[in-house]
Amino acid sequence: MSHADVNGLRIWYEQSGAGRPLVLLHGSYGSTEAFAPTRRAFVARRRLIAVDLPGHGRTADADRPLRFESMADDVAALLRHLDLPEVDLLGYSLGGGVALRTAIQHPTLVRRLVLVSTPCRRGGWHPDALAAMSAHDERAAERMRGTPAHERYARVAPRPQDWPLLWARSGELLRRDYDWSGEVAALPMPVLLVYADADAIPVRHMADFFGLLGGGRGDADGADRPASRLAVLPGLTHADVVASPALPAAVLPFLTHVARAPG
């Protein structure tokens, strides 16, 4: 467990295991603890680098707006600081957006990309989820005091009093429109999309996202099947998919299968 000074931040990360690096990025208001239930399955096969994103967990706020693009640059700077030229990158929800932007902005650093409960455009969220995210602000932070998320933050954050600031910055980020469809279609690495069957992202967006990666063509013999994959995990929701043993069961085979060369 350590901090790395990059891009004007002290980014907290922890390493465990051995083998090819797998970098884990958590969701909104979370920290590396989000992966505790699945860590043992991953660390048995991979060298894990779990990261606390800016303003989250043990990484202090940087007195700047939260942006997917800048957080992606922070992750890339950390990978270079750790001399990791090519990693497998897994991001969940907010961390999925950061992972996707990392792959778009720094494609040579990412060998394979896993996005868990992540849309490629803001309109990919369910309308109810969009309405809830739009209401994230300091008042919402006060209502969330005493919840498990707040208690974890208060226990590990360098400045626990920044809890309302995190909600203000997060709400401003989550209200910003984006559509990365064109950039997704140009990604050079294999991508695994993982969703819950009761996710905050509708199935139609899952299919659209997979289509951008060349999926869903319906060929009978699989000759045109892309290197990317789509997994919809049954009996789960956006809140619990990241802690389910079904997640490493879907992810690990994707990370080890031999991808077919394009064309």
C-alpha atoms as a PDB file:
ATOM      1  CA  MET A   1       0.000   0.000   0.000  1.00  0.00           C
ATOM      2  CA  SER A   2       1.456   3.315  -1.057  1.00  0.00           C
ATOM      3  CA  HIS A   3       0.957   6.759  -2.537  1.00  0.00           C
ATOM      4  CA  ALA A   4       2.325   7.976  -5.865  1.00  0.00           C
ATOM      5  CA  ASP A   5       2.853  11.673  -6.544  1.00  0.00           C
ATOM      6  CA  VAL A   6       1.585  12.231 -10.091  1.00  0.00           C
ATOM      7  CA  ASN A   7      -0.233  15.087 -11.842  1.00  0.00           C
ATOM      8  CA  GLY A   8      -0.315  17.153  -8.664  1.00  0.00           C
ATOM      9  CA  LEU A   9      -2.046  14.333  -6.750  1.00  0.00           C
ATOM     10  CA  ARG A  10      -1.016  11.797  -4.121  1.00  0.00           C
ATOM     11  CA  ILE A  11      -2.813   8.795  -5.596  1.00  0.00           C
ATOM     12  CA  TRP A  12      -3.268   5.900  -3.197  1.00  0.00           C
ATOM     13  CA  TYR A  13      -2.945   2.372  -4.541  1.00  0.00           C
ATOM     14  CA  GLU A  14      -2.329  -1.115  -3.237  1.00  0.00           C
ATOM     15  CA  GLN A  15      -0.637  -4.058  -4.911  1.00  0.00           C
ATOM     16  CA  SER A  16      -1.014  -7.782  -4.278  1.00  0.00           C
ATOM     17  CA  GLY A  17      -0.441 -11.037  -6.086  1.00  0.00           C
ATOM     18  CA  ALA A  18       1.813 -11.831  -9.013  1.00  0.00           C
ATOM     19  CA  GLY A  19       1.578 -12.177 -12.784  1.00  0.00           C
ATOM     20  CA  ARG A  20       0.189  -9.912 -15.476  1.00  0.00           C
ATOM     21  CA  PRO A  21      -1.080  -6.627 -13.960  1.00  0.00           C
ATOM     22  CA  LEU A  22      -4.810  -6.090 -13.540  1.00  0.00           C
ATOM     23  CA  VAL A  23      -5.756  -2.553 -12.472  1.00  0.00           C
ATOM     24  CA  LEU A  24      -9.056  -2.060 -10.594  1.00  0.00           C
ATOM     25  CA  LEU A  25     -11.014   1.222 -10.508  1.00  0.00           C
ATOM     26  CA  HIS A  26     -13.975   1.532  -8.116  1.00  0.00           C
ATOM     27  CA  GLY A  27     -17.305   3.348  -8.450  1.00  0.00           C
ATOM     28  CA  SER A  28     -18.676   6.657  -7.148  1.00  0.00           C
ATOM     29  CA  TYR A  29     -18.098   7.443  -3.448  1.00  0.00           C
ATOM     30  CA  GLY A  30     -16.180   4.192  -3.120  1.00  0.00           C
ATOM     31  CA  SER A  31     -12.619   2.996  -2.716  1.00  0.00           C
ATOM     32  CA  THR A  32     -10.550  -0.119  -3.308  1.00  0.00           C
ATOM     33  CA  GLU A  33     -12.610  -1.865  -0.614  1.00  0.00           C
ATOM     34  CA  ALA A  34     -15.358  -2.272  -3.233  1.00  0.00           C
ATOM     35  CA  PHE A  35     -13.377  -5.197  -4.648  1.00  0.00           C
ATOM     36  CA  ALA A  36     -12.797  -6.952  -1.309  1.00  0.00           C
ATOM     37  CA  PRO A  37     -15.381  -9.699  -1.983  1.00  0.00           C
ATOM     38  CA  THR A  38     -13.776 -10.663  -5.331  1.00  0.00           C
ATOM     39  CA  ARG A  39     -10.137  -9.846  -4.570  1.00  0.00           C
ATOM     40  CA  ARG A  40      -9.181 -13.413  -3.620  1.00  0.00           C
ATOM     41  CA  ALA A  41     -10.396 -14.807  -6.956  1.00  0.00           C
ATOM     42  CA  PHE A  42      -8.501 -12.161  -8.926  1.00  0.00           C
ATOM     43  CA  VAL A  43      -5.285 -12.217  -6.892  1.00  0.00           C
ATOM     44  CA  ALA A  44      -4.965 -15.962  -7.318  1.00  0.00           C
ATOM     45  CA  ARG A  45      -4.356 -15.345 -11.009  1.00  0.00           C
ATOM     46  CA  ARG A  46      -3.102 -11.787 -11.392  1.00  0.00           C
ATOM     47  CA  ARG A  47      -0.977  -9.014  -9.944  1.00  0.00           C
ATOM     48  CA  LEU A  48      -3.626  -6.567  -8.699  1.00  0.00           C
ATOM     49  CA  ILE A  49      -3.185  -2.800  -8.558  1.00  0.00           C
ATOM     50  CA  ALA A  50      -6.278  -1.290  -6.915  1.00  0.00           C
ATOM     51  CA  VAL A  51      -6.529   2.504  -7.062  1.00  0.00           C
ATOM     52  CA  ASP A  52      -8.440   5.123  -5.069  1.00  0.00           C
ATOM     53  CA  LEU A  53      -9.605   7.709  -7.614  1.00  0.00           C
ATOM     54  CA  PRO A  54      -9.141  11.467  -7.007  1.00  0.00           C
ATOM     55  CA  GLY A  55     -11.204  12.698  -4.069  1.00  0.00           C
ATOM     56  CA  HIS A  56     -12.160   9.130  -3.132  1.00  0.00           C
ATOM     57  CA  GLY A  57     -10.898   6.825  -0.412  1.00  0.00           C
ATOM     58  CA  ARG A  58      -7.330   7.639   0.576  1.00  0.00           C
ATOM     59  CA  THR A  59      -6.641   9.919  -2.411  1.00  0.00           C
ATOM     60  CA  ALA A  60      -7.278  13.507  -1.367  1.00  0.00           C
ATOM     61  CA  ASP A  61      -9.256  16.023  -3.390  1.00  0.00           C
ATOM     62  CA  ALA A  62      -7.071  17.971  -5.823  1.00  0.00           C
ATOM     63  CA  ASP A  63      -9.009  21.272  -5.752  1.00  0.00           C
ATOM     64  CA  ARG A  64     -10.155  20.816  -9.335  1.00  0.00           C
ATOM     65  CA  PRO A  65     -13.336  19.591 -11.017  1.00  0.00           C
ATOM     66  CA  LEU A  66     -13.812  15.862 -11.405  1.00  0.00           C
ATOM     67  CA  ARG A  67     -13.669  14.889 -15.074  1.00  0.00           C
ATOM     68  CA  PHE A  68     -13.468  11.463 -16.661  1.00  0.00           C
ATOM     69  CA  GLU A  69     -10.782  12.748 -18.994  1.00  0.00           C
ATOM     70  CA  SER A  70      -8.506  14.180 -16.302  1.00  0.00           C
ATOM     71  CA  MET A  71      -8.935  11.138 -14.046  1.00  0.00           C
ATOM     72  CA  ALA A  72      -7.961   8.973 -17.025  1.00  0.00           C
ATOM     73  CA  ASP A  73      -4.787  11.027 -17.390  1.00  0.00           C
ATOM     74  CA  ASP A  74      -4.140  10.501 -13.670  1.00  0.00           C
ATOM     75  CA  VAL A  75      -4.482   6.729 -14.047  1.00  0.00           C
ATOM     76  CA  ALA A  76      -2.166   6.775 -17.066  1.00  0.00           C
ATOM     77  CA  ALA A  77       0.387   8.806 -15.113  1.00  0.00           C
ATOM     78  CA  LEU A  78       0.226   6.272 -12.279  1.00  0.00           C
ATOM     79  CA  LEU A  79       0.790   3.380 -14.686  1.00  0.00           C
ATOM     80  CA  ARG A  80       3.827   5.119 -16.120  1.00  0.00           C
ATOM     81  CA  HIS A  81       5.070   5.924 -12.605  1.00  0.00           C
ATOM     82  CA  LEU A  82       4.835   2.197 -11.790  1.00  0.00           C
ATOM     83  CA  ASP A  83       6.520   1.310 -15.093  1.00  0.00           C
ATOM     84  CA  LEU A  84       3.501  -0.666 -16.310  1.00  0.00           C
ATOM     85  CA  PRO A  85       3.483  -0.203 -20.093  1.00  0.00           C
ATOM     86  CA  GLU A  86       0.589  -2.601 -20.816  1.00  0.00           C
ATOM     87  CA  VAL A  87      -2.065  -3.623 -18.302  1.00  0.00           C
ATOM     88  CA  ASP A  88      -5.489  -5.163 -18.164  1.00  0.00           C
ATOM     89  CA  LEU A  89      -7.850  -2.499 -16.829  1.00  0.00           C
ATOM     90  CA  LEU A  90     -11.153  -3.092 -15.039  1.00  0.00           C
ATOM     91  CA  GLY A  91     -13.447  -0.253 -14.025  1.00  0.00           C
ATOM     92  CA  TYR A  92     -16.849  -0.308 -12.340  1.00  0.00           C
ATOM     93  CA  SER A  93     -19.504   2.406 -12.864  1.00  0.00           C
ATOM     94  CA  LEU A  94     -17.627   5.715 -12.334  1.00  0.00           C
ATOM     95  CA  GLY A  95     -14.380   3.757 -12.527  1.00  0.00           C
ATOM     96  CA  GLY A  96     -15.625   2.219 -15.745  1.00  0.00           C
ATOM     97  CA  GLY A  97     -15.974   5.662 -17.281  1.00  0.00           C
ATOM     98  CA  VAL A  98     -12.422   6.474 -16.163  1.00  0.00           C
ATOM     99  CA  ALA A  99     -11.159   3.138 -17.514  1.00  0.00           C
ATOM    100  CA  LEU A 100     -12.877   3.740 -20.854  1.00  0.00           C
ATOM    101  CA  ARG A 101     -11.364   7.211 -21.179  1.00  0.00           C
ATOM    102  CA  THR A 102      -7.947   5.783 -20.220  1.00  0.00           C
ATOM    103  CA  ALA A 103      -8.219   3.286 -23.087  1.00  0.00           C
ATOM    104  CA  ILE A 104      -9.362   6.023 -25.484  1.00  0.00           C
ATOM    105  CA  GLN A 105      -6.721   8.578 -24.478  1.00  0.00           C
ATOM    106  CA  HIS A 106      -3.827   6.182 -23.755  1.00  0.00           C
ATOM    107  CA  PRO A 107      -4.521   3.036 -25.818  1.00  0.00           C
ATOM    108  CA  THR A 108      -0.936   1.775 -25.738  1.00  0.00           C
ATOM    109  CA  LEU A 109      -1.173   1.370 -21.952  1.00  0.00           C
ATOM    110  CA  VAL A 110      -4.186  -0.971 -22.062  1.00  0.00           C
ATOM    111  CA  ARG A 111      -3.965  -4.567 -23.288  1.00  0.00           C
ATOM    112  CA  ARG A 112      -7.547  -5.548 -22.438  1.00  0.00           C
ATOM    113  CA  LEU A 113     -10.393  -3.476 -21.059  1.00  0.00           C
ATOM    114  CA  VAL A 114     -13.208  -4.632 -18.752  1.00  0.00           C
ATOM    115  CA  LEU A 115     -16.121  -2.266 -18.155  1.00  0.00           C
ATOM    116  CA  VAL A 116     -18.583  -3.216 -15.431  1.00  0.00           C
ATOM    117  CA  SER A 117     -21.976  -1.460 -15.358  1.00  0.00           C
ATOM    118  CA  THR A 118     -20.685   1.330 -17.590  1.00  0.00           C
ATOM    119  CA  PRO A 119     -22.452   3.174 -20.451  1.00  0.00           C
ATOM    120  CA  CYS A 120     -20.653   4.818 -23.368  1.00  0.00           C
ATOM    121  CA  ARG A 121     -22.901   7.875 -23.320  1.00  0.00           C
ATOM    122  CA  ARG A 122     -24.767   9.664 -20.560  1.00  0.00           C
ATOM    123  CA  GLY A 123     -28.100   8.796 -22.159  1.00  0.00           C
ATOM    124  CA  GLY A 124     -27.217   5.131 -21.689  1.00  0.00           C
ATOM    125  CA  TRP A 125     -28.264   5.296 -18.032  1.00  0.00           C
ATOM    126  CA  HIS A 126     -31.834   4.440 -17.082  1.00  0.00           C
ATOM    127  CA  PRO A 127     -33.912   7.645 -16.702  1.00  0.00           C
ATOM    128  CA  ASP A 128     -34.408   6.974 -12.983  1.00  0.00           C
ATOM    129  CA  ALA A 129     -30.645   6.655 -12.518  1.00  0.00           C
ATOM    130  CA  LEU A 130     -30.078   9.904 -14.410  1.00  0.00           C
ATOM    131  CA  ALA A 131     -32.586  11.702 -12.198  1.00  0.00           C
ATOM    132  CA  ALA A 132     -30.908  10.392  -9.055  1.00  0.00           C
ATOM    133  CA  MET A 133     -27.420  11.355 -10.256  1.00  0.00           C
ATOM    134  CA  SER A 134     -28.596  14.832 -11.180  1.00  0.00           C
ATOM    135  CA  ALA A 135     -29.598  15.389  -7.546  1.00  0.00           C
ATOM    136  CA  HIS A 136     -26.134  14.686  -6.123  1.00  0.00           C
ATOM    137  CA  ASP A 137     -24.966  17.745  -4.197  1.00  0.00           C
ATOM    138  CA  GLU A 138     -23.987  18.890  -0.690  1.00  0.00           C
ATOM    139  CA  ARG A 139     -27.515  18.378   0.625  1.00  0.00           C
ATOM    140  CA  ALA A 140     -27.518  14.802  -0.635  1.00  0.00           C
ATOM    141  CA  ALA A 141     -24.170  14.317   1.115  1.00  0.00           C
ATOM    142  CA  GLU A 142     -25.743  15.324   4.418  1.00  0.00           C
ATOM    143  CA  ARG A 143     -28.558  12.819   3.913  1.00  0.00           C
ATOM    144  CA  MET A 144     -25.960  10.099   3.280  1.00  0.00           C
ATOM    145  CA  ARG A 145     -24.123  10.618   6.560  1.00  0.00           C
ATOM    146  CA  GLY A 146     -24.083   7.440   8.607  1.00  0.00           C
ATOM    147  CA  THR A 147     -24.439   5.147   5.595  1.00  0.00           C
ATOM    148  CA  PRO A 148     -21.793   2.459   4.950  1.00  0.00           C
ATOM    149  CA  ALA A 149     -20.315   4.565   2.127  1.00  0.00           C
ATOM    150  CA  HIS A 150     -19.923   7.567   4.416  1.00  0.00           C
ATOM    151  CA  GLU A 151     -18.520   5.481   7.259  1.00  0.00           C
ATOM    152  CA  ARG A 152     -15.864   3.981   4.941  1.00  0.00           C
ATOM    153  CA  TYR A 153     -14.974   7.446   3.661  1.00  0.00           C
ATOM    154  CA  ALA A 154     -14.748   8.895   7.169  1.00  0.00           C
ATOM    155  CA  ARG A 155     -12.494   6.036   8.227  1.00  0.00           C
ATOM    156  CA  VAL A 156      -9.876   6.338   5.436  1.00  0.00           C
ATOM    157  CA  ALA A 157     -10.099   9.774   3.773  1.00  0.00           C
ATOM    158  CA  PRO A 158      -7.225  12.227   4.437  1.00  0.00           C
ATOM    159  CA  ARG A 159      -9.864  14.939   5.008  1.00  0.00           C
ATOM    160  CA  PRO A 160     -13.145  13.355   6.158  1.00  0.00           C
ATOM    161  CA  GLN A 161     -14.712  16.823   6.212  1.00  0.00           C
ATOM    162  CA  ASP A 162     -14.531  16.819   2.391  1.00  0.00           C
ATOM    163  CA  TRP A 163     -17.512  14.431   2.143  1.00  0.00           C
ATOM    164  CA  PRO A 164     -19.896  17.233   0.999  1.00  0.00           C
ATOM    165  CA  LEU A 165     -17.259  18.489  -1.459  1.00  0.00           C
ATOM    166  CA  LEU A 166     -16.998  15.030  -3.019  1.00  0.00           C
ATOM    167  CA  TRP A 167     -20.757  14.974  -3.583  1.00  0.00           C
ATOM    168  CA  ALA A 168     -20.715  18.478  -5.056  1.00  0.00           C
ATOM    169  CA  ARG A 169     -17.883  17.634  -7.470  1.00  0.00           C
ATOM    170  CA  SER A 170     -19.424  14.247  -8.318  1.00  0.00           C
ATOM    171  CA  GLY A 171     -22.838  15.753  -8.993  1.00  0.00           C
ATOM    172  CA  GLU A 172     -21.343  18.352 -11.304  1.00  0.00           C
ATOM    173  CA  LEU A 173     -19.546  15.573 -13.200  1.00  0.00           C
ATOM    174  CA  LEU A 174     -22.593  13.328 -13.414  1.00  0.00           C
ATOM    175  CA  ARG A 175     -24.780  16.127 -14.803  1.00  0.00           C
ATOM    176  CA  ARG A 176     -22.392  16.714 -17.742  1.00  0.00           C
ATOM    177  CA  ASP A 177     -23.462  15.257 -21.069  1.00  0.00           C
ATOM    178  CA  TYR A 178     -21.135  12.996 -23.047  1.00  0.00           C
ATOM    179  CA  ASP A 179     -21.223  10.524 -25.921  1.00  0.00           C
ATOM    180  CA  TRP A 180     -18.075   8.521 -26.658  1.00  0.00           C
ATOM    181  CA  SER A 181     -19.640   6.222 -29.267  1.00  0.00           C
ATOM    182  CA  GLY A 182     -17.310   7.225 -32.086  1.00  0.00           C
ATOM    183  CA  GLU A 183     -14.216   6.746 -29.941  1.00  0.00           C
ATOM    184  CA  VAL A 184     -15.495   3.399 -28.662  1.00  0.00           C
ATOM    185  CA  ALA A 185     -15.840   2.093 -32.214  1.00  0.00           C
ATOM    186  CA  ALA A 186     -12.150   2.897 -32.803  1.00  0.00           C
ATOM    187  CA  LEU A 187     -10.774   1.132 -29.704  1.00  0.00           C
ATOM    188  CA  PRO A 188      -7.938  -1.200 -30.722  1.00  0.00           C
ATOM    189  CA  MET A 189      -8.019  -3.585 -27.738  1.00  0.00           C
ATOM    190  CA  PRO A 190     -10.511  -6.345 -26.854  1.00  0.00           C
ATOM    191  CA  VAL A 191     -13.244  -5.109 -24.499  1.00  0.00           C
ATOM    192  CA  LEU A 192     -15.454  -7.065 -22.114  1.00  0.00           C
ATOM    193  CA  LEU A 193     -18.742  -5.417 -21.155  1.00  0.00           C
ATOM    194  CA  VAL A 194     -20.249  -6.783 -17.924  1.00  0.00           C
ATOM    195  CA  TYR A 195     -23.707  -5.853 -16.659  1.00  0.00           C
ATOM    196  CA  ALA A 196     -26.270  -7.059 -14.154  1.00  0.00           C
ATOM    197  CA  ASP A 197     -29.572  -8.206 -15.588  1.00  0.00           C
ATOM    198  CA  ALA A 198     -31.247  -5.614 -13.314  1.00  0.00           C
ATOM    199  CA  ASP A 199     -28.655  -2.906 -13.887  1.00  0.00           C
ATOM    200  CA  ALA A 200     -29.123   0.858 -13.920  1.00  0.00           C
ATOM    201  CA  ILE A 201     -28.258   0.608 -17.625  1.00  0.00           C
ATOM    202  CA  PRO A 202     -31.022  -0.750 -19.876  1.00  0.00           C
ATOM    203  CA  VAL A 203     -30.400  -3.875 -21.941  1.00  0.00           C
ATOM    204  CA  ARG A 204     -30.880  -1.907 -25.162  1.00  0.00           C
ATOM    205  CA  HIS A 205     -27.850   0.253 -24.331  1.00  0.00           C
ATOM    206  CA  MET A 206     -25.805  -2.833 -23.472  1.00  0.00           C
ATOM    207  CA  ALA A 207     -26.606  -4.152 -26.959  1.00  0.00           C
ATOM    208  CA  ASP A 208     -25.861  -0.809 -28.629  1.00  0.00           C
ATOM    209  CA  PHE A 209     -22.505  -0.552 -26.827  1.00  0.00           C
ATOM    210  CA  PHE A 210     -21.596  -4.110 -27.838  1.00  0.00           C
ATOM    211  CA  GLY A 211     -22.584  -3.296 -31.402  1.00  0.00           C
ATOM    212  CA  LEU A 212     -20.059  -0.468 -31.492  1.00  0.00           C
ATOM    213  CA  LEU A 213     -17.393  -3.071 -30.662  1.00  0.00           C
ATOM    214  CA  GLY A 214     -18.456  -5.269 -33.566  1.00  0.00           C
ATOM    215  CA  GLY A 215     -20.744  -7.541 -31.576  1.00  0.00           C
ATOM    216  CA  GLY A 216     -24.241  -8.796 -32.250  1.00  0.00           C
ATOM    217  CA  ARG A 217     -23.843  -9.649 -35.921  1.00  0.00           C
ATOM    218  CA  GLY A 218     -25.570 -12.997 -35.581  1.00  0.00           C
ATOM    219  CA  ASP A 219     -23.262 -15.028 -37.826  1.00  0.00           C
ATOM    220  CA  ALA A 220     -24.013 -18.740 -37.577  1.00  0.00           C
ATOM    221  CA  ASP A 221     -20.485 -20.124 -37.275  1.00  0.00           C
ATOM    222  CA  GLY A 222     -18.811 -17.321 -35.299  1.00  0.00           C
ATOM    223  CA  ALA A 223     -16.383 -16.548 -38.117  1.00  0.00           C
ATOM    224  CA  ASP A 224     -16.968 -12.819 -37.759  1.00  0.00           C
ATOM    225  CA  ARG A 225     -17.169 -12.807 -33.983  1.00  0.00           C
ATOM    226  CA  PRO A 226     -15.183  -9.901 -32.531  1.00  0.00           C
ATOM    227  CA  ALA A 227     -12.482 -10.172 -29.879  1.00  0.00           C
ATOM    228  CA  SER A 228     -14.758  -8.183 -27.550  1.00  0.00           C
ATOM    229  CA  ARG A 229     -17.381  -9.853 -25.377  1.00  0.00           C
ATOM    230  CA  LEU A 230     -20.673  -9.077 -23.607  1.00  0.00           C
ATOM    231  CA  ALA A 231     -21.694 -10.683 -20.305  1.00  0.00           C
ATOM    232  CA  VAL A 232     -25.046 -10.118 -18.583  1.00  0.00           C
ATOM    233  CA  LEU A 233     -24.943 -11.636 -15.100  1.00  0.00           C
ATOM    234  CA  PRO A 234     -28.257 -12.985 -13.770  1.00  0.00           C
ATOM    235  CA  GLY A 235     -29.886 -12.153 -10.468  1.00  0.00           C
ATOM    236  CA  LEU A 236     -27.783  -9.041  -9.834  1.00  0.00           C
ATOM    237  CA  THR A 237     -28.176  -5.263  -9.714  1.00  0.00           C
ATOM    238  CA  HIS A 238     -25.921  -2.272 -10.334  1.00  0.00           C
ATOM    239  CA  ALA A 239     -25.207  -2.142  -6.609  1.00  0.00           C
ATOM    240  CA  ASP A 240     -24.090  -5.736  -6.074  1.00  0.00           C
ATOM    241  CA  VAL A 241     -22.585  -6.870  -9.396  1.00  0.00           C
ATOM    242  CA  VAL A 242     -19.071  -5.769  -8.431  1.00  0.00           C
ATOM    243  CA  ALA A 243     -19.117  -7.945  -5.297  1.00  0.00           C
ATOM    244  CA  SER A 244     -20.508 -11.073  -6.932  1.00  0.00           C
ATOM    245  CA  PRO A 245     -18.362 -14.188  -7.524  1.00  0.00           C
ATOM    246  CA  ALA A 246     -19.932 -14.194 -10.993  1.00  0.00           C
ATOM    247  CA  LEU A 247     -17.740 -11.178 -11.851  1.00  0.00           C
ATOM    248  CA  PRO A 248     -14.301 -12.866 -11.725  1.00  0.00           C
ATOM    249  CA  ALA A 249     -15.885 -15.963 -13.281  1.00  0.00           C
ATOM    250  CA  ALA A 250     -16.769 -13.837 -16.325  1.00  0.00           C
ATOM    251  CA  VAL A 251     -13.650 -11.670 -16.345  1.00  0.00           C
ATOM    252  CA  LEU A 252     -10.785 -14.138 -15.911  1.00  0.00           C
ATOM    253  CA  PRO A 253     -11.538 -16.266 -19.006  1.00  0.00           C
ATOM    254  CA  PHE A 254     -11.747 -13.105 -21.110  1.00  0.00           C
ATOM    255  CA  LEU A 255      -8.344 -11.947 -19.887  1.00  0.00           C
ATOM    256  CA  THR A 256      -6.712 -15.235 -20.854  1.00  0.00           C
ATOM    257  CA  HIS A 257      -8.428 -16.220 -24.106  1.00  0.00           C
ATOM    258  CA  VAL A 258      -6.457 -15.820 -27.325  1.00  0.00           C
ATOM    259  CA  ALA A 259      -8.016 -12.984 -29.262  1.00  0.00           C
ATOM    260  CA  ARG A 260      -8.546 -13.498 -32.966  1.00  0.00           C
ATOM    261  CA  ALA A 261      -6.604 -11.093 -35.151  1.00  0.00           C
ATOM    262  CA  PRO A 262      -8.862  -8.513 -36.885  1.00  0.00           C
ATOM    263  CA  GLY A 263      -9.711  -9.154 -40.505  1.00  0.00           C
END
